[in-house]
Amino acid sequence: MNDDFRLKLIKIRDEKIAHRDELLEMKMRAAIAKQVNSDIDIDGMIAHEQLAIDNLDDAIARLN
């Protein structure tokens, strides 16, 4: 059972990493285009995704 749960957590972590990478790409494109949009807090979204990734890493490590 732990293996199934661990695999699900790994899949979720991989999805979070992909989303964080997409946000970083959006941030870089906006910086290159010199667009400033204060309506969207990309840095906050990136930090939120990174925190989720770190928590998932911890949970996965505990299941090993």
N, C-alpha and C. Protein backbone atom coordinates (compact mmCIF):
# COMPACT_ATOMS: atom_id res chain seq x y z
N MET A 1 0.82 -1.19 0.00
CA MET A 1 0.00 0.00 0.00
C MET A 1 0.87 1.26 0.00
N ASN A 2 1.93 1.26 0.81
CA ASN A 2 2.81 2.42 0.83
C ASN A 2 3.43 2.70 -0.53
N ASP A 3 3.73 1.63 -1.28
CA ASP A 3 4.32 1.82 -2.60
C ASP A 3 3.35 2.53 -3.54
N ASP A 4 2.07 2.14 -3.50
CA ASP A 4 1.07 2.80 -4.34
C ASP A 4 0.92 4.27 -3.96
N PHE A 5 0.87 4.53 -2.68
CA PHE A 5 0.73 5.90 -2.20
C PHE A 5 1.97 6.72 -2.57
N ARG A 6 3.14 6.11 -2.41
CA ARG A 6 4.39 6.78 -2.76
C ARG A 6 4.43 7.12 -4.24
N LEU A 7 3.99 6.21 -5.09
CA LEU A 7 3.96 6.47 -6.53
C LEU A 7 3.00 7.60 -6.88
N LYS A 8 1.87 7.65 -6.19
CA LYS A 8 0.92 8.75 -6.41
C LYS A 8 1.53 10.08 -5.99
N LEU A 9 2.24 10.09 -4.87
CA LEU A 9 2.89 11.32 -4.42
C LEU A 9 3.97 11.76 -5.41
N ILE A 10 4.70 10.81 -5.95
CA ILE A 10 5.74 11.13 -6.93
C ILE A 10 5.11 11.73 -8.18
N LYS A 11 3.98 11.17 -8.61
CA LYS A 11 3.28 11.71 -9.79
C LYS A 11 2.81 13.14 -9.53
N ILE A 12 2.25 13.38 -8.36
CA ILE A 12 1.79 14.72 -8.01
C ILE A 12 2.97 15.68 -7.95
N ARG A 13 4.08 15.23 -7.35
CA ARG A 13 5.29 16.07 -7.28
C ARG A 13 5.78 16.43 -8.67
N ASP A 14 5.78 15.46 -9.59
CA ASP A 14 6.22 15.72 -10.96
C ASP A 14 5.31 16.75 -11.64
N GLU A 15 4.01 16.68 -11.37
CA GLU A 15 3.08 17.66 -11.93
C GLU A 15 3.34 19.05 -11.35
N LYS A 16 3.63 19.11 -10.07
CA LYS A 16 3.94 20.40 -9.42
C LYS A 16 5.23 20.99 -9.99
N ILE A 17 6.22 20.15 -10.22
CA ILE A 17 7.48 20.62 -10.79
C ILE A 17 7.23 21.17 -12.19
N ALA A 18 6.43 20.47 -12.99
CA ALA A 18 6.12 20.95 -14.33
C ALA A 18 5.39 22.30 -14.28
N HIS A 19 4.46 22.45 -13.34
CA HIS A 19 3.73 23.70 -13.21
C HIS A 19 4.66 24.82 -12.77
N ARG A 20 5.53 24.54 -11.82
CA ARG A 20 6.50 25.54 -11.37
C ARG A 20 7.39 25.98 -12.52
N ASP A 21 7.83 25.02 -13.33
CA ASP A 21 8.68 25.34 -14.48
C ASP A 21 7.94 26.20 -15.49
N GLU A 22 6.65 25.93 -15.70
CA GLU A 22 5.84 26.77 -16.58
C GLU A 22 5.74 28.19 -16.05
N LEU A 23 5.57 28.33 -14.74
CA LEU A 23 5.50 29.66 -14.13
C LEU A 23 6.83 30.41 -14.28
N LEU A 24 7.93 29.69 -14.10
CA LEU A 24 9.25 30.31 -14.27
C LEU A 24 9.44 30.78 -15.72
N GLU A 25 8.98 29.98 -16.66
CA GLU A 25 9.07 30.35 -18.07
C GLU A 25 8.23 31.59 -18.35
N MET A 26 7.02 31.64 -17.78
CA MET A 26 6.17 32.81 -17.95
C MET A 26 6.85 34.05 -17.38
N LYS A 27 7.49 33.90 -16.24
CA LYS A 27 8.17 35.03 -15.60
C LYS A 27 9.32 35.52 -16.48
N MET A 28 10.08 34.58 -17.04
CA MET A 28 11.19 34.96 -17.90
C MET A 28 10.70 35.65 -19.17
N ARG A 29 9.63 35.13 -19.78
CA ARG A 29 9.08 35.76 -20.98
C ARG A 29 8.58 37.17 -20.68
N ALA A 30 7.94 37.34 -19.55
CA ALA A 30 7.44 38.67 -19.17
C ALA A 30 8.61 39.63 -18.94
N ALA A 31 9.69 39.14 -18.35
CA ALA A 31 10.85 40.00 -18.10
C ALA A 31 11.51 40.40 -19.41
N ILE A 32 11.59 39.46 -20.35
CA ILE A 32 12.20 39.76 -21.65
C ILE A 32 11.35 40.79 -22.40
N ALA A 33 10.04 40.61 -22.32
CA ALA A 33 9.13 41.53 -23.02
C ALA A 33 8.92 42.82 -22.22
N LYS A 34 9.50 42.86 -21.02
CA LYS A 34 9.39 44.02 -20.13
C LYS A 34 7.95 44.35 -19.80
N GLN A 35 7.16 43.31 -19.67
CA GLN A 35 5.76 43.48 -19.28
C GLN A 35 5.68 43.49 -17.76
N VAL A 36 4.94 44.41 -17.25
CA VAL A 36 4.73 44.46 -15.82
C VAL A 36 3.24 44.31 -15.58
N ASN A 37 2.88 43.23 -14.90
CA ASN A 37 1.47 42.99 -14.62
C ASN A 37 1.36 42.68 -13.13
N SER A 38 0.92 43.66 -12.39
CA SER A 38 0.84 43.49 -10.93
C SER A 38 -0.40 42.70 -10.51
N ASP A 39 -1.27 42.37 -11.47
CA ASP A 39 -2.47 41.61 -11.13
C ASP A 39 -2.16 40.16 -10.78
N ILE A 40 -1.07 39.65 -11.32
CA ILE A 40 -0.70 38.26 -11.10
C ILE A 40 0.60 38.21 -10.31
N ASP A 41 0.58 37.52 -9.20
CA ASP A 41 1.77 37.38 -8.36
C ASP A 41 2.48 36.07 -8.73
N ILE A 42 3.25 36.12 -9.80
CA ILE A 42 3.94 34.91 -10.28
C ILE A 42 4.95 34.42 -9.25
N ASP A 43 5.67 35.36 -8.62
CA ASP A 43 6.64 34.95 -7.61
C ASP A 43 5.96 34.20 -6.45
N GLY A 44 4.79 34.69 -6.05
CA GLY A 44 4.04 34.02 -5.00
C GLY A 44 3.56 32.64 -5.43
N MET A 45 3.14 32.53 -6.69
CA MET A 45 2.70 31.23 -7.21
C MET A 45 3.87 30.26 -7.28
N ILE A 46 5.03 30.75 -7.70
CA ILE A 46 6.22 29.90 -7.77
C ILE A 46 6.60 29.43 -6.36
N ALA A 47 6.57 30.34 -5.40
CA ALA A 47 6.90 29.98 -4.02
C ALA A 47 5.92 28.94 -3.48
N HIS A 48 4.65 29.10 -3.81
CA HIS A 48 3.62 28.16 -3.35
C HIS A 48 3.89 26.77 -3.93
N GLU A 49 4.19 26.71 -5.23
CA GLU A 49 4.48 25.42 -5.87
C GLU A 49 5.74 24.80 -5.27
N GLN A 50 6.77 25.62 -5.01
CA GLN A 50 8.01 25.09 -4.45
C GLN A 50 7.78 24.53 -3.05
N LEU A 51 6.96 25.20 -2.26
CA LEU A 51 6.63 24.70 -0.93
C LEU A 51 5.91 23.36 -1.03
N ALA A 52 4.98 23.24 -1.96
CA ALA A 52 4.26 21.98 -2.15
C ALA A 52 5.24 20.88 -2.57
N ILE A 53 6.18 21.21 -3.46
CA ILE A 53 7.18 20.23 -3.91
C ILE A 53 8.03 19.78 -2.73
N ASP A 54 8.48 20.72 -1.93
CA ASP A 54 9.30 20.38 -0.76
C ASP A 54 8.53 19.49 0.22
N ASN A 55 7.27 19.79 0.46
CA ASN A 55 6.46 18.97 1.35
C ASN A 55 6.25 17.57 0.79
N LEU A 56 6.04 17.47 -0.52
CA LEU A 56 5.89 16.16 -1.15
C LEU A 56 7.19 15.37 -1.06
N ASP A 57 8.32 16.04 -1.28
CA ASP A 57 9.61 15.37 -1.14
C ASP A 57 9.79 14.79 0.25
N ASP A 58 9.42 15.57 1.27
CA ASP A 58 9.51 15.10 2.66
C ASP A 58 8.62 13.88 2.89
N ALA A 59 7.39 13.95 2.38
CA ALA A 59 6.46 12.84 2.57
C ALA A 59 6.95 11.58 1.86
N ILE A 60 7.48 11.75 0.66
CA ILE A 60 8.00 10.60 -0.09
C ILE A 60 9.19 9.99 0.65
N ALA A 61 10.06 10.83 1.17
CA ALA A 61 11.24 10.34 1.90
C ALA A 61 10.83 9.55 3.13
N ARG A 62 9.78 9.98 3.81
CA ARG A 62 9.33 9.26 4.99
C ARG A 62 8.75 7.89 4.66
N LEU A 63 8.26 7.73 3.44
CA LEU A 63 7.66 6.45 3.04
C LEU A 63 8.71 5.44 2.58
N ASN A 64 9.91 5.90 2.36
CA ASN A 64 10.97 4.96 1.90
C ASN A 64 11.48 4.11 3.02
